[in-house]
Amino acid sequence: MILSDKRILEEIDKGSIVIEPFDRKCLGTNSYDVHLGKYLATYKDAVLDAKKHNEIQHFEIPAEGYVLEPGKLYLGVTLEYTETHGHVPFLEGKSSTGRLGIDIHATAGKGDVGFCNTWTLEISVAQPVRVYAGMPIGQLIYFVVEGDIETLYNSKGNAKYNNKTIRPVESMMWKNAF
């Protein structure tokens, strides 16, 4: 089941959902709108290797915006820091974003119970499009969890994305044994 607007507000009051900054105007019927943070990143190498640490370079989106180009992967970040202690958060694009040809995640739309951070976005575009820091970029949807949680994400020793950040984070696939 997906949480309604009233239920999201109740969970925020209880502290089981944290959204900072929070703006009541961003609360939808059953979702919360998140915004593009001021940092983007691109990988330094043209060919990425799943077994190595692929480095990224961060840059700030200027006031006049930044044009994203097709055929290139951009890592973005949400302006909002979130914590989810009892629900499964899903990040999806807004229809207005999709209608500009912007995909905000390649595969990583689901968060884990206990995820406490900003969200790194895997952005690709269908055609050149100018984006701006602070623009609406996606929406969080919260699902009810059935059963008890054994280990929250923020308490897992091997969790790769626990370090609090305001910048996009590169893939940590290289930390996996394969």
N, C-alpha and C. Protein backbone atom coordinates (compact mmCIF):
# COMPACT_ATOMS: atom_id res chain seq x y z
N MET A 1 0.83 -1.19 0.00
CA MET A 1 0.00 0.00 0.00
C MET A 1 0.87 1.25 0.00
N ILE A 2 0.44 2.26 -0.71
CA ILE A 2 1.14 3.54 -0.81
C ILE A 2 0.55 4.50 0.22
N LEU A 3 1.41 5.25 0.89
CA LEU A 3 0.93 6.21 1.88
C LEU A 3 0.24 7.40 1.22
N SER A 4 -0.86 7.84 1.81
CA SER A 4 -1.57 9.03 1.35
C SER A 4 -0.89 10.28 1.89
N ASP A 5 -1.33 11.44 1.43
CA ASP A 5 -0.77 12.70 1.91
C ASP A 5 -0.92 12.84 3.42
N LYS A 6 -2.11 12.53 3.95
CA LYS A 6 -2.33 12.63 5.40
C LYS A 6 -1.42 11.68 6.16
N ARG A 7 -1.24 10.48 5.62
CA ARG A 7 -0.40 9.49 6.30
C ARG A 7 1.08 9.89 6.24
N ILE A 8 1.51 10.48 5.14
CA ILE A 8 2.89 10.99 5.06
C ILE A 8 3.11 12.04 6.13
N LEU A 9 2.17 12.95 6.29
CA LEU A 9 2.27 13.99 7.32
C LEU A 9 2.32 13.37 8.72
N GLU A 10 1.51 12.35 8.96
CA GLU A 10 1.52 11.66 10.26
C GLU A 10 2.89 11.04 10.53
N GLU A 11 3.46 10.41 9.51
CA GLU A 11 4.77 9.76 9.67
C GLU A 11 5.88 10.79 9.87
N ILE A 12 5.76 11.95 9.24
CA ILE A 12 6.71 13.03 9.46
C ILE A 12 6.60 13.51 10.91
N ASP A 13 5.38 13.68 11.40
CA ASP A 13 5.17 14.10 12.79
C ASP A 13 5.76 13.09 13.77
N LYS A 14 5.67 11.79 13.44
CA LYS A 14 6.21 10.74 14.30
C LYS A 14 7.73 10.61 14.16
N GLY A 15 8.30 11.17 13.09
CA GLY A 15 9.74 11.08 12.86
C GLY A 15 10.17 9.85 12.09
N SER A 16 9.22 9.04 11.61
CA SER A 16 9.60 7.86 10.83
C SER A 16 9.91 8.22 9.37
N ILE A 17 9.47 9.40 8.93
CA ILE A 17 9.87 9.97 7.64
C ILE A 17 10.41 11.36 7.92
N VAL A 18 11.58 11.66 7.37
CA VAL A 18 12.20 12.98 7.50
C VAL A 18 12.45 13.50 6.09
N ILE A 19 12.05 14.73 5.82
CA ILE A 19 12.32 15.40 4.56
C ILE A 19 12.80 16.81 4.89
N GLU A 20 14.05 17.12 4.50
CA GLU A 20 14.64 18.44 4.80
C GLU A 20 15.27 19.02 3.54
N PRO A 21 14.89 20.19 3.09
CA PRO A 21 13.82 21.00 3.64
C PRO A 21 12.45 20.43 3.26
N PHE A 22 11.46 20.68 4.11
CA PHE A 22 10.09 20.25 3.85
C PHE A 22 9.26 21.46 3.50
N ASP A 23 8.45 21.33 2.45
CA ASP A 23 7.54 22.39 2.02
C ASP A 23 6.18 21.75 1.77
N ARG A 24 5.21 22.13 2.53
CA ARG A 24 3.86 21.54 2.44
C ARG A 24 3.31 21.60 1.01
N LYS A 25 3.70 22.62 0.24
CA LYS A 25 3.21 22.77 -1.13
C LYS A 25 3.72 21.65 -2.04
N CYS A 26 4.77 20.94 -1.63
CA CYS A 26 5.33 19.86 -2.44
C CYS A 26 4.68 18.51 -2.16
N LEU A 27 3.77 18.48 -1.21
CA LEU A 27 3.08 17.24 -0.87
C LEU A 27 1.92 17.03 -1.81
N GLY A 28 1.96 15.90 -2.54
CA GLY A 28 0.87 15.55 -3.43
C GLY A 28 -0.11 14.63 -2.73
N THR A 29 -1.06 14.11 -3.46
CA THR A 29 -2.08 13.23 -2.91
C THR A 29 -1.47 11.99 -2.27
N ASN A 30 -0.44 11.45 -2.88
CA ASN A 30 0.23 10.26 -2.35
C ASN A 30 1.72 10.26 -2.69
N SER A 31 2.33 11.44 -2.69
CA SER A 31 3.76 11.55 -2.99
C SER A 31 4.28 12.89 -2.50
N TYR A 32 5.61 13.01 -2.54
CA TYR A 32 6.24 14.28 -2.18
C TYR A 32 7.22 14.65 -3.29
N ASP A 33 7.10 15.87 -3.83
CA ASP A 33 7.97 16.33 -4.91
C ASP A 33 9.35 16.68 -4.38
N VAL A 34 10.39 16.19 -5.06
CA VAL A 34 11.77 16.54 -4.73
C VAL A 34 12.37 17.34 -5.89
N HIS A 35 13.45 18.03 -5.60
CA HIS A 35 14.03 19.01 -6.52
C HIS A 35 15.48 18.69 -6.82
N LEU A 36 15.94 19.16 -7.97
CA LEU A 36 17.32 18.95 -8.38
C LEU A 36 18.24 19.83 -7.53
N GLY A 37 19.23 19.21 -6.91
CA GLY A 37 20.22 19.95 -6.15
C GLY A 37 21.13 20.74 -7.08
N LYS A 38 22.08 21.46 -6.50
CA LYS A 38 22.91 22.36 -7.33
C LYS A 38 24.11 21.68 -7.97
N TYR A 39 24.35 20.40 -7.66
CA TYR A 39 25.52 19.71 -8.21
C TYR A 39 25.14 18.61 -9.19
N LEU A 40 25.91 18.53 -10.26
CA LEU A 40 25.87 17.41 -11.20
C LEU A 40 27.27 16.81 -11.23
N ALA A 41 27.37 15.62 -11.80
CA ALA A 41 28.68 14.99 -11.97
C ALA A 41 28.66 14.15 -13.24
N THR A 42 29.83 13.97 -13.83
CA THR A 42 30.01 13.07 -14.96
C THR A 42 31.24 12.22 -14.68
N TYR A 43 31.26 11.05 -15.31
CA TYR A 43 32.43 10.18 -15.15
C TYR A 43 33.59 10.74 -15.95
N LYS A 44 34.80 10.58 -15.43
CA LYS A 44 36.00 11.08 -16.09
C LYS A 44 36.37 10.24 -17.31
N ASP A 45 36.15 8.91 -17.22
CA ASP A 45 36.52 8.02 -18.32
C ASP A 45 35.34 7.76 -19.25
N ALA A 46 35.62 7.62 -20.53
CA ALA A 46 34.58 7.32 -21.52
C ALA A 46 34.09 5.88 -21.39
N VAL A 47 34.98 4.99 -20.98
CA VAL A 47 34.61 3.58 -20.79
C VAL A 47 34.65 3.29 -19.30
N LEU A 48 33.53 2.84 -18.77
CA LEU A 48 33.45 2.51 -17.35
C LEU A 48 33.74 1.02 -17.15
N ASP A 49 34.32 0.69 -16.00
CA ASP A 49 34.69 -0.69 -15.69
C ASP A 49 34.03 -1.05 -14.36
N ALA A 50 33.16 -2.07 -14.38
CA ALA A 50 32.40 -2.46 -13.18
C ALA A 50 33.29 -2.95 -12.05
N LYS A 51 34.53 -3.37 -12.35
CA LYS A 51 35.43 -3.87 -11.31
C LYS A 51 36.37 -2.82 -10.75
N LYS A 52 36.31 -1.59 -11.27
CA LYS A 52 37.21 -0.56 -10.75
C LYS A 52 36.42 0.64 -10.27
N HIS A 53 37.08 1.46 -9.48
CA HIS A 53 36.46 2.68 -8.98
C HIS A 53 36.50 3.72 -10.11
N ASN A 54 35.36 3.97 -10.70
CA ASN A 54 35.26 4.96 -11.78
C ASN A 54 35.05 6.33 -11.15
N GLU A 55 36.00 7.22 -11.36
CA GLU A 55 35.95 8.53 -10.73
C GLU A 55 35.04 9.48 -11.49
N ILE A 56 34.45 10.41 -10.73
CA ILE A 56 33.57 11.42 -11.32
C ILE A 56 34.13 12.81 -11.04
N GLN A 57 33.65 13.75 -11.83
CA GLN A 57 33.97 15.15 -11.58
C GLN A 57 32.66 15.89 -11.33
N HIS A 58 32.61 16.63 -10.22
CA HIS A 58 31.43 17.39 -9.84
C HIS A 58 31.52 18.79 -10.43
N PHE A 59 30.36 19.36 -10.70
CA PHE A 59 30.31 20.78 -11.08
C PHE A 59 28.97 21.34 -10.63
N GLU A 60 28.96 22.62 -10.41
CA GLU A 60 27.76 23.30 -9.95
C GLU A 60 26.94 23.79 -11.14
N ILE A 61 25.64 23.65 -11.06
CA ILE A 61 24.76 24.15 -12.11
C ILE A 61 24.73 25.67 -12.00
N PRO A 62 25.10 26.39 -13.08
CA PRO A 62 25.09 27.86 -13.00
C PRO A 62 23.66 28.40 -12.94
N ALA A 63 23.50 29.66 -12.56
CA ALA A 63 22.19 30.29 -12.43
C ALA A 63 21.40 30.24 -13.74
N GLU A 64 22.12 30.30 -14.87
CA GLU A 64 21.44 30.27 -16.18
C GLU A 64 21.10 28.86 -16.63
N GLY A 65 21.35 27.88 -15.78
CA GLY A 65 21.03 26.49 -16.09
C GLY A 65 22.18 25.80 -16.81
N TYR A 66 21.98 24.51 -17.07
CA TYR A 66 23.00 23.70 -17.73
C TYR A 66 22.30 22.80 -18.74
N VAL A 67 22.84 22.72 -19.95
CA VAL A 67 22.23 21.90 -21.00
C VAL A 67 22.77 20.47 -20.91
N LEU A 68 21.87 19.53 -20.66
CA LEU A 68 22.22 18.11 -20.68
C LEU A 68 22.13 17.62 -22.11
N GLU A 69 23.07 16.75 -22.49
CA GLU A 69 23.14 16.25 -23.86
C GLU A 69 22.81 14.75 -23.91
N PRO A 70 22.15 14.30 -24.97
CA PRO A 70 21.87 12.87 -25.13
C PRO A 70 23.18 12.08 -25.26
N GLY A 71 23.13 10.81 -24.89
CA GLY A 71 24.29 9.95 -25.03
C GLY A 71 25.30 10.09 -23.92
N LYS A 72 24.97 10.84 -22.89
CA LYS A 72 25.88 11.05 -21.77
C LYS A 72 25.11 10.80 -20.47
N LEU A 73 25.77 10.14 -19.53
CA LEU A 73 25.17 9.90 -18.22
C LEU A 73 25.59 11.02 -17.27
N TYR A 74 24.60 11.62 -16.64
CA TYR A 74 24.84 12.64 -15.63
C TYR A 74 24.37 12.10 -14.29
N LEU A 75 25.14 12.34 -13.27
CA LEU A 75 24.69 12.03 -11.92
C LEU A 75 24.24 13.34 -11.29
N GLY A 76 23.03 13.34 -10.79
CA GLY A 76 22.50 14.51 -10.10
C GLY A 76 22.21 14.14 -8.66
N VAL A 77 21.67 15.06 -7.92
CA VAL A 77 21.35 14.82 -6.52
C VAL A 77 20.10 15.60 -6.17
N THR A 78 19.31 15.05 -5.27
CA THR A 78 18.14 15.79 -4.81
C THR A 78 18.57 16.89 -3.84
N LEU A 79 17.85 17.97 -3.89
CA LEU A 79 18.04 19.04 -2.91
C LEU A 79 17.68 18.52 -1.51
N GLU A 80 16.67 17.66 -1.47
CA GLU A 80 16.15 17.17 -0.20
C GLU A 80 16.97 16.02 0.37
N TYR A 81 17.24 16.12 1.65
CA TYR A 81 17.79 15.02 2.44
C TYR A 81 16.58 14.29 3.03
N THR A 82 16.58 12.96 2.95
CA THR A 82 15.45 12.21 3.48
C THR A 82 15.92 11.09 4.40
N GLU A 83 15.04 10.72 5.31
CA GLU A 83 15.22 9.54 6.14
C GLU A 83 13.90 8.78 6.11
N THR A 84 14.01 7.46 6.02
CA THR A 84 12.82 6.62 6.00
C THR A 84 13.06 5.45 6.93
N HIS A 85 12.38 5.45 8.09
CA HIS A 85 12.67 4.46 9.13
C HIS A 85 11.66 3.33 9.22
N GLY A 86 10.55 3.40 8.50
CA GLY A 86 9.57 2.33 8.61
C GLY A 86 8.83 2.03 7.32
N HIS A 87 9.27 2.63 6.23
CA HIS A 87 8.60 2.45 4.93
C HIS A 87 9.64 2.29 3.83
N VAL A 88 9.21 1.78 2.70
CA VAL A 88 10.09 1.65 1.54
C VAL A 88 9.85 2.87 0.64
N PRO A 89 10.86 3.73 0.48
CA PRO A 89 10.70 4.89 -0.40
C PRO A 89 11.02 4.52 -1.86
N PHE A 90 10.22 5.02 -2.77
CA PHE A 90 10.48 4.88 -4.20
C PHE A 90 10.59 6.28 -4.78
N LEU A 91 11.59 6.50 -5.61
CA LEU A 91 11.76 7.77 -6.30
C LEU A 91 11.39 7.57 -7.76
N GLU A 92 10.45 8.34 -8.22
CA GLU A 92 10.02 8.29 -9.62
C GLU A 92 10.10 9.68 -10.21
N GLY A 93 10.22 9.74 -11.54
CA GLY A 93 10.22 11.03 -12.21
C GLY A 93 8.82 11.63 -12.21
N LYS A 94 8.76 12.92 -12.31
CA LYS A 94 7.47 13.60 -12.48
C LYS A 94 7.09 13.53 -13.96
N SER A 95 5.80 13.56 -14.25
CA SER A 95 5.38 13.51 -15.64
C SER A 95 5.91 14.73 -16.41
N SER A 96 5.98 15.88 -15.75
CA SER A 96 6.51 17.09 -16.42
C SER A 96 7.98 16.91 -16.79
N THR A 97 8.72 16.19 -15.95
CA THR A 97 10.13 15.91 -16.23
C THR A 97 10.24 14.95 -17.41
N GLY A 98 9.44 13.89 -17.38
CA GLY A 98 9.45 12.92 -18.46
C GLY A 98 9.04 13.52 -19.79
N ARG A 99 8.14 14.47 -19.77
CA ARG A 99 7.68 15.11 -21.00
C ARG A 99 8.73 16.04 -21.60
N LEU A 100 9.77 16.32 -20.83
CA LEU A 100 10.93 17.04 -21.36
C LEU A 100 11.99 16.06 -21.87
N GLY A 101 11.71 14.75 -21.76
CA GLY A 101 12.65 13.74 -22.21
C GLY A 101 13.74 13.44 -21.21
N ILE A 102 13.50 13.75 -19.92
CA ILE A 102 14.48 13.53 -18.87
C ILE A 102 14.12 12.27 -18.09
N ASP A 103 15.04 11.30 -18.05
CA ASP A 103 14.92 10.14 -17.17
C ASP A 103 15.80 10.41 -15.96
N ILE A 104 15.26 10.21 -14.75
CA ILE A 104 16.03 10.55 -13.55
C ILE A 104 16.69 9.35 -12.89
N HIS A 105 16.33 8.14 -13.31
CA HIS A 105 17.05 6.99 -12.78
C HIS A 105 17.05 5.85 -13.78
N ALA A 106 18.21 5.23 -13.90
CA ALA A 106 18.36 4.11 -14.81
C ALA A 106 17.75 2.85 -14.20
N THR A 107 18.05 2.59 -12.94
CA THR A 107 17.51 1.40 -12.27
C THR A 107 17.23 1.62 -10.80
N ALA A 108 17.81 2.62 -10.18
CA ALA A 108 17.80 2.72 -8.73
C ALA A 108 16.67 3.59 -8.20
N GLY A 109 15.44 3.20 -8.42
CA GLY A 109 14.30 3.97 -7.94
C GLY A 109 13.86 3.61 -6.54
N LYS A 110 14.26 2.44 -6.04
CA LYS A 110 13.82 1.98 -4.73
C LYS A 110 14.89 2.26 -3.70
N GLY A 111 14.47 2.81 -2.59
CA GLY A 111 15.36 2.97 -1.45
C GLY A 111 15.10 1.84 -0.46
N ASP A 112 15.95 1.72 0.52
CA ASP A 112 15.77 0.72 1.57
C ASP A 112 15.25 1.37 2.83
N VAL A 113 14.52 0.60 3.64
CA VAL A 113 14.12 1.08 4.95
C VAL A 113 15.41 1.40 5.72
N GLY A 114 15.49 2.60 6.25
CA GLY A 114 16.69 3.03 6.95
C GLY A 114 17.61 3.88 6.08
N PHE A 115 17.25 4.13 4.82
CA PHE A 115 18.08 5.00 3.98
C PHE A 115 17.97 6.43 4.50
N CYS A 116 19.11 7.07 4.75
CA CYS A 116 19.15 8.43 5.30
C CYS A 116 20.18 9.24 4.51
N ASN A 117 19.72 9.95 3.49
CA ASN A 117 20.66 10.70 2.66
C ASN A 117 19.88 11.47 1.60
N THR A 118 20.62 12.22 0.78
CA THR A 118 20.06 12.75 -0.46
C THR A 118 20.03 11.59 -1.45
N TRP A 119 19.32 11.74 -2.54
CA TRP A 119 19.22 10.70 -3.56
C TRP A 119 20.09 11.05 -4.75
N THR A 120 20.97 10.14 -5.15
CA THR A 120 21.73 10.34 -6.38
C THR A 120 20.83 9.93 -7.55
N LEU A 121 20.79 10.77 -8.56
CA LEU A 121 19.96 10.56 -9.75
C LEU A 121 20.86 10.12 -10.90
N GLU A 122 20.42 9.15 -11.67
CA GLU A 122 21.14 8.72 -12.87
C GLU A 122 20.39 9.31 -14.06
N ILE A 123 20.81 10.47 -14.50
CA ILE A 123 20.04 11.27 -15.45
C ILE A 123 20.52 11.04 -16.88
N SER A 124 19.55 10.81 -17.76
CA SER A 124 19.80 10.78 -19.20
C SER A 124 18.66 11.53 -19.89
N VAL A 125 18.94 12.03 -21.09
CA VAL A 125 17.95 12.83 -21.79
C VAL A 125 17.78 12.35 -23.23
N ALA A 126 16.59 12.55 -23.78
CA ALA A 126 16.28 12.14 -25.15
C ALA A 126 16.76 13.17 -26.17
N GLN A 127 16.83 14.41 -25.76
CA GLN A 127 17.32 15.49 -26.60
C GLN A 127 17.92 16.54 -25.69
N PRO A 128 18.69 17.51 -26.22
CA PRO A 128 19.27 18.52 -25.33
C PRO A 128 18.18 19.24 -24.54
N VAL A 129 18.42 19.41 -23.26
CA VAL A 129 17.46 20.10 -22.40
C VAL A 129 18.21 20.85 -21.30
N ARG A 130 17.80 22.08 -21.06
CA ARG A 130 18.42 22.90 -20.02
C ARG A 130 17.72 22.62 -18.69
N VAL A 131 18.53 22.36 -17.67
CA VAL A 131 18.00 22.11 -16.33
C VAL A 131 18.54 23.16 -15.36
N TYR A 132 17.84 23.31 -14.25
CA TYR A 132 18.17 24.33 -13.27
C TYR A 132 18.19 23.74 -11.86
N ALA A 133 19.10 24.22 -11.05
CA ALA A 133 19.10 23.83 -9.63
C ALA A 133 17.79 24.29 -9.02
N GLY A 134 17.17 23.42 -8.24
CA GLY A 134 15.91 23.75 -7.57
C GLY A 134 14.66 23.41 -8.35
N MET A 135 14.82 22.97 -9.61
CA MET A 135 13.62 22.61 -10.38
C MET A 135 13.03 21.30 -9.86
N PRO A 136 11.69 21.13 -9.91
CA PRO A 136 11.12 19.84 -9.54
C PRO A 136 11.68 18.76 -10.47
N ILE A 137 12.10 17.64 -9.89
CA ILE A 137 12.75 16.60 -10.69
C ILE A 137 12.12 15.23 -10.50
N GLY A 138 11.50 14.99 -9.36
CA GLY A 138 10.94 13.68 -9.10
C GLY A 138 9.96 13.71 -7.95
N GLN A 139 9.49 12.53 -7.60
CA GLN A 139 8.56 12.43 -6.47
C GLN A 139 8.84 11.16 -5.69
N LEU A 140 8.76 11.28 -4.38
CA LEU A 140 8.93 10.14 -3.49
C LEU A 140 7.57 9.56 -3.15
N ILE A 141 7.50 8.25 -3.23
CA ILE A 141 6.30 7.50 -2.88
C ILE A 141 6.72 6.54 -1.78
N TYR A 142 5.90 6.39 -0.76
CA TYR A 142 6.24 5.54 0.38
C TYR A 142 5.31 4.34 0.45
N PHE A 143 5.92 3.15 0.54
CA PHE A 143 5.16 1.92 0.65
C PHE A 143 5.25 1.35 2.05
N VAL A 144 4.17 0.72 2.50
CA VAL A 144 4.14 0.04 3.79
C VAL A 144 4.96 -1.24 3.68
N VAL A 145 5.67 -1.57 4.75
CA VAL A 145 6.48 -2.80 4.81
C VAL A 145 5.70 -3.84 5.61
N GLU A 146 5.64 -5.05 5.10
CA GLU A 146 5.03 -6.16 5.83
C GLU A 146 6.11 -6.90 6.58
N GLY A 147 5.95 -7.09 7.87
CA GLY A 147 6.92 -7.83 8.66
C GLY A 147 7.96 -6.94 9.31
N ASP A 148 8.70 -7.54 10.22
CA ASP A 148 9.74 -6.83 10.95
C ASP A 148 11.00 -6.70 10.10
N ILE A 149 11.73 -5.63 10.31
CA ILE A 149 13.00 -5.39 9.62
C ILE A 149 14.12 -5.93 10.50
N GLU A 150 14.96 -6.78 9.96
CA GLU A 150 16.09 -7.31 10.72
C GLU A 150 17.23 -6.30 10.80
N THR A 151 17.58 -5.69 9.65
CA THR A 151 18.69 -4.74 9.62
C THR A 151 18.32 -3.54 8.76
N LEU A 152 18.25 -2.36 9.37
CA LEU A 152 17.99 -1.14 8.62
C LEU A 152 19.21 -0.78 7.78
N TYR A 153 18.98 -0.15 6.64
CA TYR A 153 20.07 0.18 5.73
C TYR A 153 21.16 0.99 6.42
N ASN A 154 20.78 1.98 7.23
CA ASN A 154 21.78 2.85 7.86
C ASN A 154 22.56 2.17 8.97
N SER A 155 22.22 0.91 9.29
CA SER A 155 23.00 0.19 10.30
C SER A 155 23.74 -1.01 9.71
N LYS A 156 23.65 -1.18 8.39
CA LYS A 156 24.37 -2.26 7.72
C LYS A 156 25.85 -1.90 7.61
N GLY A 157 26.71 -2.80 8.00
CA GLY A 157 28.14 -2.55 7.91
C GLY A 157 28.64 -2.45 6.48
N ASN A 158 27.98 -3.14 5.55
CA ASN A 158 28.44 -3.14 4.16
C ASN A 158 27.63 -2.21 3.25
N ALA A 159 26.82 -1.33 3.82
CA ALA A 159 26.04 -0.38 3.01
C ALA A 159 27.01 0.59 2.33
N LYS A 160 26.86 0.75 1.02
CA LYS A 160 27.83 1.53 0.26
C LYS A 160 27.48 3.03 0.14
N TYR A 161 26.26 3.39 0.49
CA TYR A 161 25.83 4.77 0.26
C TYR A 161 25.31 5.42 1.54
N ASN A 162 26.00 5.20 2.64
CA ASN A 162 25.59 5.74 3.93
C ASN A 162 26.20 7.09 4.27
N ASN A 163 27.26 7.50 3.60
CA ASN A 163 27.91 8.76 3.94
C ASN A 163 27.06 9.94 3.48
N LYS A 164 26.65 10.78 4.42
CA LYS A 164 25.79 11.92 4.12
C LYS A 164 26.49 12.86 3.13
N THR A 165 25.76 13.27 2.10
CA THR A 165 26.36 14.10 1.06
C THR A 165 25.34 15.04 0.44
N ILE A 166 25.81 16.12 -0.13
CA ILE A 166 24.96 17.02 -0.93
C ILE A 166 25.37 16.95 -2.40
N ARG A 167 26.29 16.04 -2.72
CA ARG A 167 26.76 15.86 -4.09
C ARG A 167 26.40 14.46 -4.58
N PRO A 168 26.29 14.29 -5.90
CA PRO A 168 26.03 12.95 -6.43
C PRO A 168 27.17 11.99 -6.08
N VAL A 169 26.83 10.73 -5.93
CA VAL A 169 27.81 9.70 -5.57
C VAL A 169 27.93 8.71 -6.73
N GLU A 170 29.17 8.40 -7.09
CA GLU A 170 29.45 7.47 -8.18
C GLU A 170 29.08 6.03 -7.79
N SER A 171 29.07 5.16 -8.77
CA SER A 171 28.79 3.74 -8.52
C SER A 171 29.85 3.14 -7.61
N MET A 172 29.39 2.35 -6.68
CA MET A 172 30.29 1.61 -5.78
C MET A 172 30.27 0.12 -6.11
N MET A 173 29.90 -0.22 -7.33
CA MET A 173 29.88 -1.61 -7.79
C MET A 173 31.21 -2.31 -7.52
N TRP A 174 32.31 -1.58 -7.66
CA TRP A 174 33.65 -2.15 -7.48
C TRP A 174 33.87 -2.69 -6.08
N LYS A 175 33.04 -2.32 -5.12
CA LYS A 175 33.17 -2.84 -3.75
C LYS A 175 32.56 -4.23 -3.61
N ASN A 176 31.80 -4.69 -4.60
CA ASN A 176 31.20 -6.01 -4.58
C ASN A 176 32.22 -7.06 -4.99
N ALA A 177 32.08 -8.26 -4.43
CA ALA A 177 32.96 -9.37 -4.83
C ALA A 177 32.28 -10.14 -5.95
N PHE A 178 32.93 -10.19 -7.11
CA PHE A 178 32.41 -10.97 -8.23
C PHE A 178 33.53 -11.32 -9.19
